Amino acid sequence: MSQVEAFLTKAEEDEIVAAIRQAEKNTSGEIRVHIEALAKIDHFSRAQQVFVQLKMDATEERNGVLIYVAVHDRKFVIYGDEGIYKAVPDGFWDSTKALMQQQFEEGNFKDGIISGVLKAGEELKKHFPWEEDDINELSDEISKG
């Protein structure tokens, strides 16, 4: 079993997907989680690549958020699309990152990801509230590399 496959159990992955669905109920924003063993380039650049590969840059309001985790590297990135950065202040993701980091340092990876997803949903709701005609533009499933 690879590091990526061993990182979370199927039940833990299901809990994360449920958290994504819960977070997206209140926002038009789209949240994805991507997990891979390691990045062969700097983590921010890799998160940007994955963001495009997952077609997260194609949402109508450009308000997708990727939580990228490199398991072996012990690094993560929260990457938001340009619509978010036009609407939010600098340091917008700092509290979300801190919440996740605290859980990760304690070895609570599933809880860290869920905390990040739910916090991202709360933040997105403020700037991109859910509208009656909103549709789920992207898969809620965890992607792996």
N, C-alpha and C. Protein backbone atom coordinates (compact mmCIF):
# COMPACT_ATOMS: atom_id res chain seq x y z
N MET A 1 0.85 -1.18 0.00
CA MET A 1 0.00 0.00 0.00
C MET A 1 0.89 1.25 0.00
N SER A 2 0.59 2.19 -0.87
CA SER A 2 1.39 3.41 -0.96
C SER A 2 1.12 4.33 0.23
N GLN A 3 2.02 5.31 0.41
CA GLN A 3 1.83 6.29 1.49
C GLN A 3 0.52 7.04 1.32
N VAL A 4 0.17 7.32 0.09
CA VAL A 4 -1.07 8.06 -0.16
C VAL A 4 -2.27 7.21 0.23
N GLU A 5 -2.26 5.94 -0.15
CA GLU A 5 -3.37 5.05 0.18
C GLU A 5 -3.47 4.80 1.68
N ALA A 6 -2.34 4.78 2.37
CA ALA A 6 -2.32 4.51 3.81
C ALA A 6 -2.58 5.77 4.64
N PHE A 7 -2.55 6.93 4.03
CA PHE A 7 -2.68 8.20 4.76
C PHE A 7 -4.04 8.31 5.44
N LEU A 8 -5.10 7.94 4.73
CA LEU A 8 -6.46 8.00 5.26
C LEU A 8 -7.17 6.70 4.97
N THR A 9 -8.03 6.28 5.89
CA THR A 9 -8.86 5.11 5.64
C THR A 9 -10.02 5.52 4.72
N LYS A 10 -10.72 4.54 4.19
CA LYS A 10 -11.88 4.81 3.35
C LYS A 10 -12.93 5.58 4.16
N ALA A 11 -13.12 5.18 5.41
CA ALA A 11 -14.09 5.88 6.27
C ALA A 11 -13.68 7.33 6.51
N GLU A 12 -12.38 7.57 6.69
CA GLU A 12 -11.90 8.95 6.88
C GLU A 12 -12.10 9.77 5.61
N GLU A 13 -11.83 9.15 4.46
CA GLU A 13 -12.06 9.85 3.19
C GLU A 13 -13.54 10.20 3.04
N ASP A 14 -14.41 9.28 3.40
CA ASP A 14 -15.86 9.54 3.32
C ASP A 14 -16.25 10.71 4.23
N GLU A 15 -15.64 10.80 5.40
CA GLU A 15 -15.93 11.92 6.32
C GLU A 15 -15.48 13.25 5.71
N ILE A 16 -14.35 13.24 5.03
CA ILE A 16 -13.85 14.46 4.38
C ILE A 16 -14.79 14.88 3.25
N VAL A 17 -15.22 13.92 2.45
CA VAL A 17 -16.16 14.23 1.36
C VAL A 17 -17.46 14.79 1.93
N ALA A 18 -17.93 14.22 3.03
CA ALA A 18 -19.15 14.74 3.68
C ALA A 18 -18.93 16.18 4.16
N ALA A 19 -17.73 16.47 4.66
CA ALA A 19 -17.41 17.84 5.10
C ALA A 19 -17.40 18.80 3.92
N ILE A 20 -16.86 18.35 2.79
CA ILE A 20 -16.86 19.20 1.58
C ILE A 20 -18.29 19.52 1.18
N ARG A 21 -19.13 18.51 1.17
CA ARG A 21 -20.54 18.73 0.79
C ARG A 21 -21.23 19.68 1.77
N GLN A 22 -20.95 19.52 3.06
CA GLN A 22 -21.52 20.40 4.07
C GLN A 22 -21.04 21.84 3.86
N ALA A 23 -19.75 22.01 3.64
CA ALA A 23 -19.18 23.35 3.46
C ALA A 23 -19.74 24.03 2.22
N GLU A 24 -19.97 23.26 1.16
CA GLU A 24 -20.44 23.84 -0.09
C GLU A 24 -21.93 24.15 -0.09
N LYS A 25 -22.66 23.70 0.93
CA LYS A 25 -24.09 24.01 1.00
C LYS A 25 -24.35 25.50 1.19
N ASN A 26 -23.39 26.22 1.74
CA ASN A 26 -23.58 27.62 2.08
C ASN A 26 -22.83 28.58 1.18
N THR A 27 -22.18 28.07 0.15
CA THR A 27 -21.38 28.93 -0.72
C THR A 27 -21.43 28.42 -2.15
N SER A 28 -21.22 29.34 -3.08
CA SER A 28 -21.07 28.94 -4.47
C SER A 28 -19.64 28.48 -4.74
N GLY A 29 -18.76 28.67 -3.75
CA GLY A 29 -17.38 28.23 -3.89
C GLY A 29 -17.28 26.72 -4.00
N GLU A 30 -16.20 26.27 -4.62
CA GLU A 30 -15.94 24.85 -4.81
C GLU A 30 -14.68 24.47 -4.05
N ILE A 31 -14.73 23.41 -3.28
CA ILE A 31 -13.60 22.97 -2.47
C ILE A 31 -13.19 21.57 -2.89
N ARG A 32 -11.90 21.38 -3.12
CA ARG A 32 -11.37 20.06 -3.46
C ARG A 32 -10.19 19.76 -2.54
N VAL A 33 -9.94 18.47 -2.32
CA VAL A 33 -8.79 18.01 -1.56
C VAL A 33 -7.99 17.09 -2.47
N HIS A 34 -6.68 17.32 -2.55
CA HIS A 34 -5.79 16.47 -3.34
C HIS A 34 -4.65 16.01 -2.44
N ILE A 35 -4.40 14.70 -2.48
CA ILE A 35 -3.35 14.11 -1.65
C ILE A 35 -2.37 13.37 -2.56
N GLU A 36 -1.08 13.60 -2.34
CA GLU A 36 -0.07 12.82 -3.05
C GLU A 36 1.13 12.62 -2.12
N ALA A 37 2.01 11.72 -2.50
CA ALA A 37 3.14 11.36 -1.65
C ALA A 37 4.10 12.52 -1.47
N LEU A 38 4.53 13.11 -2.58
CA LEU A 38 5.49 14.21 -2.50
C LEU A 38 5.41 15.06 -3.75
N ALA A 39 5.93 16.26 -3.59
CA ALA A 39 5.98 17.19 -4.72
C ALA A 39 7.41 17.23 -5.23
N LYS A 40 7.56 17.16 -6.53
CA LYS A 40 8.91 17.21 -7.11
C LYS A 40 9.36 18.63 -7.39
N ILE A 41 8.45 19.58 -7.15
CA ILE A 41 8.75 21.01 -7.27
C ILE A 41 8.25 21.66 -5.98
N ASP A 42 8.40 22.97 -5.85
CA ASP A 42 7.93 23.60 -4.63
C ASP A 42 6.42 23.39 -4.49
N HIS A 43 5.95 23.32 -3.27
CA HIS A 43 4.58 22.91 -2.98
C HIS A 43 3.54 23.87 -3.52
N PHE A 44 3.81 25.15 -3.48
CA PHE A 44 2.85 26.11 -4.01
C PHE A 44 2.70 25.92 -5.52
N SER A 45 3.81 25.76 -6.22
CA SER A 45 3.75 25.55 -7.67
C SER A 45 3.04 24.25 -8.00
N ARG A 46 3.29 23.22 -7.21
CA ARG A 46 2.61 21.93 -7.44
C ARG A 46 1.10 22.08 -7.21
N ALA A 47 0.72 22.81 -6.17
CA ALA A 47 -0.71 23.03 -5.91
C ALA A 47 -1.34 23.76 -7.10
N GLN A 48 -0.63 24.73 -7.67
CA GLN A 48 -1.14 25.43 -8.85
C GLN A 48 -1.34 24.46 -10.02
N GLN A 49 -0.39 23.57 -10.24
CA GLN A 49 -0.51 22.58 -11.32
C GLN A 49 -1.73 21.69 -11.11
N VAL A 50 -1.88 21.18 -9.90
CA VAL A 50 -3.00 20.29 -9.59
C VAL A 50 -4.32 21.04 -9.77
N PHE A 51 -4.36 22.29 -9.35
CA PHE A 51 -5.55 23.12 -9.47
C PHE A 51 -6.02 23.16 -10.93
N VAL A 52 -5.09 23.37 -11.83
CA VAL A 52 -5.42 23.42 -13.26
C VAL A 52 -5.78 22.03 -13.77
N GLN A 53 -5.03 21.01 -13.38
CA GLN A 53 -5.32 19.65 -13.82
C GLN A 53 -6.73 19.21 -13.43
N LEU A 54 -7.17 19.65 -12.27
CA LEU A 54 -8.52 19.31 -11.79
C LEU A 54 -9.59 20.23 -12.38
N LYS A 55 -9.18 21.13 -13.25
CA LYS A 55 -10.07 22.10 -13.91
C LYS A 55 -10.79 23.00 -12.92
N MET A 56 -10.11 23.27 -11.83
CA MET A 56 -10.68 24.15 -10.81
C MET A 56 -10.68 25.61 -11.24
N ASP A 57 -9.90 25.91 -12.26
CA ASP A 57 -9.84 27.26 -12.79
C ASP A 57 -10.97 27.54 -13.78
N ALA A 58 -11.89 26.59 -13.93
CA ALA A 58 -12.97 26.74 -14.90
C ALA A 58 -14.33 26.99 -14.24
N THR A 59 -14.35 27.29 -12.94
CA THR A 59 -15.62 27.58 -12.29
C THR A 59 -16.12 28.95 -12.73
N GLU A 60 -17.42 29.10 -12.72
CA GLU A 60 -18.02 30.34 -13.22
C GLU A 60 -17.52 31.59 -12.50
N GLU A 61 -17.43 31.52 -11.17
CA GLU A 61 -17.01 32.69 -10.40
C GLU A 61 -15.53 32.68 -10.04
N ARG A 62 -14.80 31.69 -10.56
CA ARG A 62 -13.37 31.54 -10.26
C ARG A 62 -13.15 31.53 -8.74
N ASN A 63 -13.98 30.73 -8.05
CA ASN A 63 -13.92 30.69 -6.60
C ASN A 63 -13.68 29.27 -6.06
N GLY A 64 -12.81 28.54 -6.74
CA GLY A 64 -12.43 27.23 -6.27
C GLY A 64 -11.29 27.31 -5.27
N VAL A 65 -11.27 26.35 -4.33
CA VAL A 65 -10.22 26.27 -3.32
C VAL A 65 -9.70 24.84 -3.30
N LEU A 66 -8.40 24.72 -3.41
CA LEU A 66 -7.75 23.41 -3.33
C LEU A 66 -6.97 23.30 -2.03
N ILE A 67 -7.21 22.21 -1.31
CA ILE A 67 -6.36 21.88 -0.16
C ILE A 67 -5.46 20.75 -0.66
N TYR A 68 -4.19 21.09 -0.84
CA TYR A 68 -3.19 20.17 -1.38
C TYR A 68 -2.33 19.66 -0.23
N VAL A 69 -2.18 18.33 -0.14
CA VAL A 69 -1.37 17.72 0.92
C VAL A 69 -0.33 16.80 0.29
N ALA A 70 0.94 17.05 0.60
CA ALA A 70 2.05 16.17 0.19
C ALA A 70 2.45 15.38 1.43
N VAL A 71 2.02 14.13 1.49
CA VAL A 71 2.14 13.30 2.70
C VAL A 71 3.59 13.13 3.15
N HIS A 72 4.44 12.63 2.27
CA HIS A 72 5.83 12.35 2.65
C HIS A 72 6.57 13.64 3.01
N ASP A 73 6.28 14.70 2.29
CA ASP A 73 6.94 15.99 2.53
C ASP A 73 6.43 16.68 3.80
N ARG A 74 5.29 16.24 4.28
CA ARG A 74 4.66 16.85 5.46
C ARG A 74 4.37 18.34 5.23
N LYS A 75 3.83 18.63 4.05
CA LYS A 75 3.50 20.01 3.66
C LYS A 75 2.08 20.05 3.12
N PHE A 76 1.46 21.21 3.26
CA PHE A 76 0.16 21.42 2.64
C PHE A 76 0.05 22.86 2.18
N VAL A 77 -0.84 23.06 1.21
CA VAL A 77 -1.07 24.39 0.63
C VAL A 77 -2.58 24.57 0.49
N ILE A 78 -3.06 25.75 0.81
CA ILE A 78 -4.44 26.12 0.48
C ILE A 78 -4.33 27.10 -0.68
N TYR A 79 -4.88 26.70 -1.82
CA TYR A 79 -4.74 27.52 -3.03
C TYR A 79 -6.13 27.91 -3.52
N GLY A 80 -6.37 29.21 -3.64
CA GLY A 80 -7.65 29.71 -4.12
C GLY A 80 -7.51 30.37 -5.48
N ASP A 81 -8.59 30.33 -6.23
CA ASP A 81 -8.61 30.91 -7.57
C ASP A 81 -8.65 32.44 -7.52
N GLU A 82 -8.49 33.06 -8.67
CA GLU A 82 -8.37 34.51 -8.75
C GLU A 82 -9.61 35.25 -8.27
N GLY A 83 -10.79 34.68 -8.41
CA GLY A 83 -12.00 35.34 -7.93
C GLY A 83 -11.97 35.55 -6.43
N ILE A 84 -11.38 34.59 -5.73
CA ILE A 84 -11.27 34.70 -4.27
C ILE A 84 -10.29 35.81 -3.90
N TYR A 85 -9.13 35.80 -4.54
CA TYR A 85 -8.11 36.78 -4.19
C TYR A 85 -8.51 38.21 -4.55
N LYS A 86 -9.42 38.36 -5.50
CA LYS A 86 -9.93 39.70 -5.80
C LYS A 86 -10.91 40.18 -4.74
N ALA A 87 -11.53 39.23 -4.02
CA ALA A 87 -12.59 39.58 -3.08
C ALA A 87 -12.16 39.61 -1.62
N VAL A 88 -11.01 39.06 -1.31
CA VAL A 88 -10.65 38.89 0.11
C VAL A 88 -9.37 39.66 0.46
N PRO A 89 -9.18 39.93 1.76
CA PRO A 89 -7.97 40.64 2.19
C PRO A 89 -6.75 39.72 2.21
N ASP A 90 -5.56 40.34 2.25
CA ASP A 90 -4.32 39.56 2.41
C ASP A 90 -4.41 38.76 3.70
N GLY A 91 -3.81 37.61 3.70
CA GLY A 91 -3.82 36.77 4.89
C GLY A 91 -5.13 36.04 5.10
N PHE A 92 -5.97 36.03 4.08
CA PHE A 92 -7.31 35.43 4.17
C PHE A 92 -7.27 33.99 4.67
N TRP A 93 -6.29 33.21 4.25
CA TRP A 93 -6.25 31.78 4.60
C TRP A 93 -5.44 31.50 5.86
N ASP A 94 -4.88 32.52 6.49
CA ASP A 94 -3.99 32.30 7.64
C ASP A 94 -4.66 31.53 8.78
N SER A 95 -5.88 31.89 9.14
CA SER A 95 -6.55 31.21 10.25
C SER A 95 -6.90 29.76 9.87
N THR A 96 -7.22 29.55 8.62
CA THR A 96 -7.51 28.19 8.15
C THR A 96 -6.25 27.34 8.19
N LYS A 97 -5.14 27.90 7.72
CA LYS A 97 -3.86 27.18 7.76
C LYS A 97 -3.47 26.85 9.19
N ALA A 98 -3.63 27.80 10.10
CA ALA A 98 -3.25 27.59 11.50
C ALA A 98 -4.08 26.47 12.13
N LEU A 99 -5.35 26.44 11.83
CA LEU A 99 -6.24 25.40 12.35
C LEU A 99 -5.79 24.03 11.86
N MET A 100 -5.50 23.93 10.58
CA MET A 100 -5.04 22.66 10.00
C MET A 100 -3.69 22.26 10.57
N GLN A 101 -2.78 23.21 10.65
CA GLN A 101 -1.43 22.92 11.14
C GLN A 101 -1.46 22.35 12.55
N GLN A 102 -2.29 22.92 13.38
CA GLN A 102 -2.39 22.44 14.76
C GLN A 102 -2.83 20.98 14.79
N GLN A 103 -3.83 20.63 14.01
CA GLN A 103 -4.30 19.24 13.96
C GLN A 103 -3.23 18.32 13.37
N PHE A 104 -2.57 18.76 12.31
CA PHE A 104 -1.54 17.94 11.67
C PHE A 104 -0.39 17.65 12.64
N GLU A 105 0.02 18.67 13.41
CA GLU A 105 1.11 18.49 14.36
C GLU A 105 0.78 17.45 15.42
N GLU A 106 -0.50 17.28 15.70
CA GLU A 106 -0.95 16.28 16.67
C GLU A 106 -1.22 14.93 16.02
N GLY A 107 -0.97 14.83 14.70
CA GLY A 107 -1.19 13.57 13.98
C GLY A 107 -2.63 13.33 13.59
N ASN A 108 -3.45 14.35 13.70
CA ASN A 108 -4.88 14.24 13.36
C ASN A 108 -5.11 14.73 11.94
N PHE A 109 -4.70 13.93 10.97
CA PHE A 109 -4.73 14.38 9.58
C PHE A 109 -6.15 14.54 9.05
N LYS A 110 -6.99 13.56 9.31
CA LYS A 110 -8.39 13.65 8.86
C LYS A 110 -9.04 14.87 9.49
N ASP A 111 -8.88 15.04 10.80
CA ASP A 111 -9.50 16.17 11.49
C ASP A 111 -8.95 17.50 10.99
N GLY A 112 -7.66 17.52 10.67
CA GLY A 112 -7.06 18.74 10.14
C GLY A 112 -7.65 19.12 8.80
N ILE A 113 -7.81 18.13 7.94
CA ILE A 113 -8.39 18.40 6.61
C ILE A 113 -9.84 18.83 6.75
N ILE A 114 -10.60 18.13 7.59
CA ILE A 114 -12.00 18.49 7.79
C ILE A 114 -12.11 19.91 8.37
N SER A 115 -11.28 20.24 9.33
CA SER A 115 -11.29 21.59 9.90
C SER A 115 -11.02 22.63 8.82
N GLY A 116 -10.04 22.34 7.97
CA GLY A 116 -9.71 23.26 6.88
C GLY A 116 -10.84 23.42 5.89
N VAL A 117 -11.47 22.32 5.54
CA VAL A 117 -12.59 22.34 4.59
C VAL A 117 -13.74 23.17 5.16
N LEU A 118 -14.11 22.89 6.39
CA LEU A 118 -15.24 23.60 7.00
C LEU A 118 -14.94 25.09 7.20
N LYS A 119 -13.72 25.40 7.61
CA LYS A 119 -13.32 26.80 7.79
C LYS A 119 -13.29 27.51 6.43
N ALA A 120 -12.79 26.84 5.41
CA ALA A 120 -12.79 27.44 4.07
C ALA A 120 -14.23 27.72 3.62
N GLY A 121 -15.13 26.78 3.91
CA GLY A 121 -16.54 26.99 3.56
C GLY A 121 -17.13 28.20 4.27
N GLU A 122 -16.80 28.36 5.55
CA GLU A 122 -17.27 29.53 6.31
C GLU A 122 -16.76 30.83 5.69
N GLU A 123 -15.48 30.84 5.35
CA GLU A 123 -14.88 32.04 4.77
C GLU A 123 -15.47 32.34 3.39
N LEU A 124 -15.64 31.30 2.58
CA LEU A 124 -16.20 31.51 1.25
C LEU A 124 -17.64 32.02 1.31
N LYS A 125 -18.39 31.53 2.29
CA LYS A 125 -19.79 31.95 2.44
C LYS A 125 -19.91 33.47 2.57
N LYS A 126 -18.94 34.09 3.24
CA LYS A 126 -18.98 35.54 3.45
C LYS A 126 -18.87 36.31 2.13
N HIS A 127 -18.11 35.76 1.20
CA HIS A 127 -17.83 36.48 -0.05
C HIS A 127 -18.56 35.89 -1.26
N PHE A 128 -18.92 34.61 -1.15
CA PHE A 128 -19.60 33.91 -2.25
C PHE A 128 -20.75 33.09 -1.68
N PRO A 129 -21.79 33.76 -1.17
CA PRO A 129 -22.90 33.01 -0.58
C PRO A 129 -23.62 32.15 -1.63
N TRP A 130 -24.21 31.08 -1.14
CA TRP A 130 -24.95 30.17 -2.01
C TRP A 130 -26.18 30.88 -2.55
N GLU A 131 -26.43 30.70 -3.83
CA GLU A 131 -27.61 31.26 -4.48
C GLU A 131 -28.49 30.09 -4.93
N GLU A 132 -29.76 30.33 -5.09
CA GLU A 132 -30.72 29.27 -5.42
C GLU A 132 -30.37 28.53 -6.71
N ASP A 133 -29.76 29.22 -7.66
CA ASP A 133 -29.46 28.58 -8.94
C ASP A 133 -28.04 28.00 -9.01
N ASP A 134 -27.32 27.97 -7.89
CA ASP A 134 -25.97 27.42 -7.87
C ASP A 134 -25.99 25.91 -8.13
N ILE A 135 -24.97 25.45 -8.83
CA ILE A 135 -24.81 24.02 -9.07
C ILE A 135 -23.42 23.61 -8.58
N ASN A 136 -23.27 22.35 -8.28
CA ASN A 136 -21.97 21.83 -7.88
C ASN A 136 -21.16 21.62 -9.16
N GLU A 137 -20.18 22.47 -9.38
CA GLU A 137 -19.43 22.46 -10.63
C GLU A 137 -18.30 21.43 -10.66
N LEU A 138 -17.82 21.01 -9.48
CA LEU A 138 -16.69 20.10 -9.42
C LEU A 138 -16.99 18.92 -8.50
N SER A 139 -16.32 17.83 -8.74
CA SER A 139 -16.46 16.64 -7.90
C SER A 139 -16.06 16.96 -6.46
N ASP A 140 -16.72 16.32 -5.52
CA ASP A 140 -16.37 16.49 -4.11
C ASP A 140 -15.40 15.41 -3.64
N GLU A 141 -15.11 14.44 -4.50
CA GLU A 141 -14.24 13.33 -4.13
C GLU A 141 -12.79 13.80 -3.96
N ILE A 142 -12.07 13.12 -3.12
CA ILE A 142 -10.64 13.39 -2.92
C ILE A 142 -9.89 12.88 -4.15
N SER A 143 -9.01 13.69 -4.69
CA SER A 143 -8.17 13.23 -5.79
C SER A 143 -6.80 12.87 -5.23
N LYS A 144 -6.13 11.97 -5.93
CA LYS A 144 -4.82 11.49 -5.45
C LYS A 144 -3.85 11.48 -6.61
N GLY A 145 -2.60 11.76 -6.26
CA GLY A 145 -1.56 11.76 -7.27
C GLY A 145 -0.47 10.77 -6.97
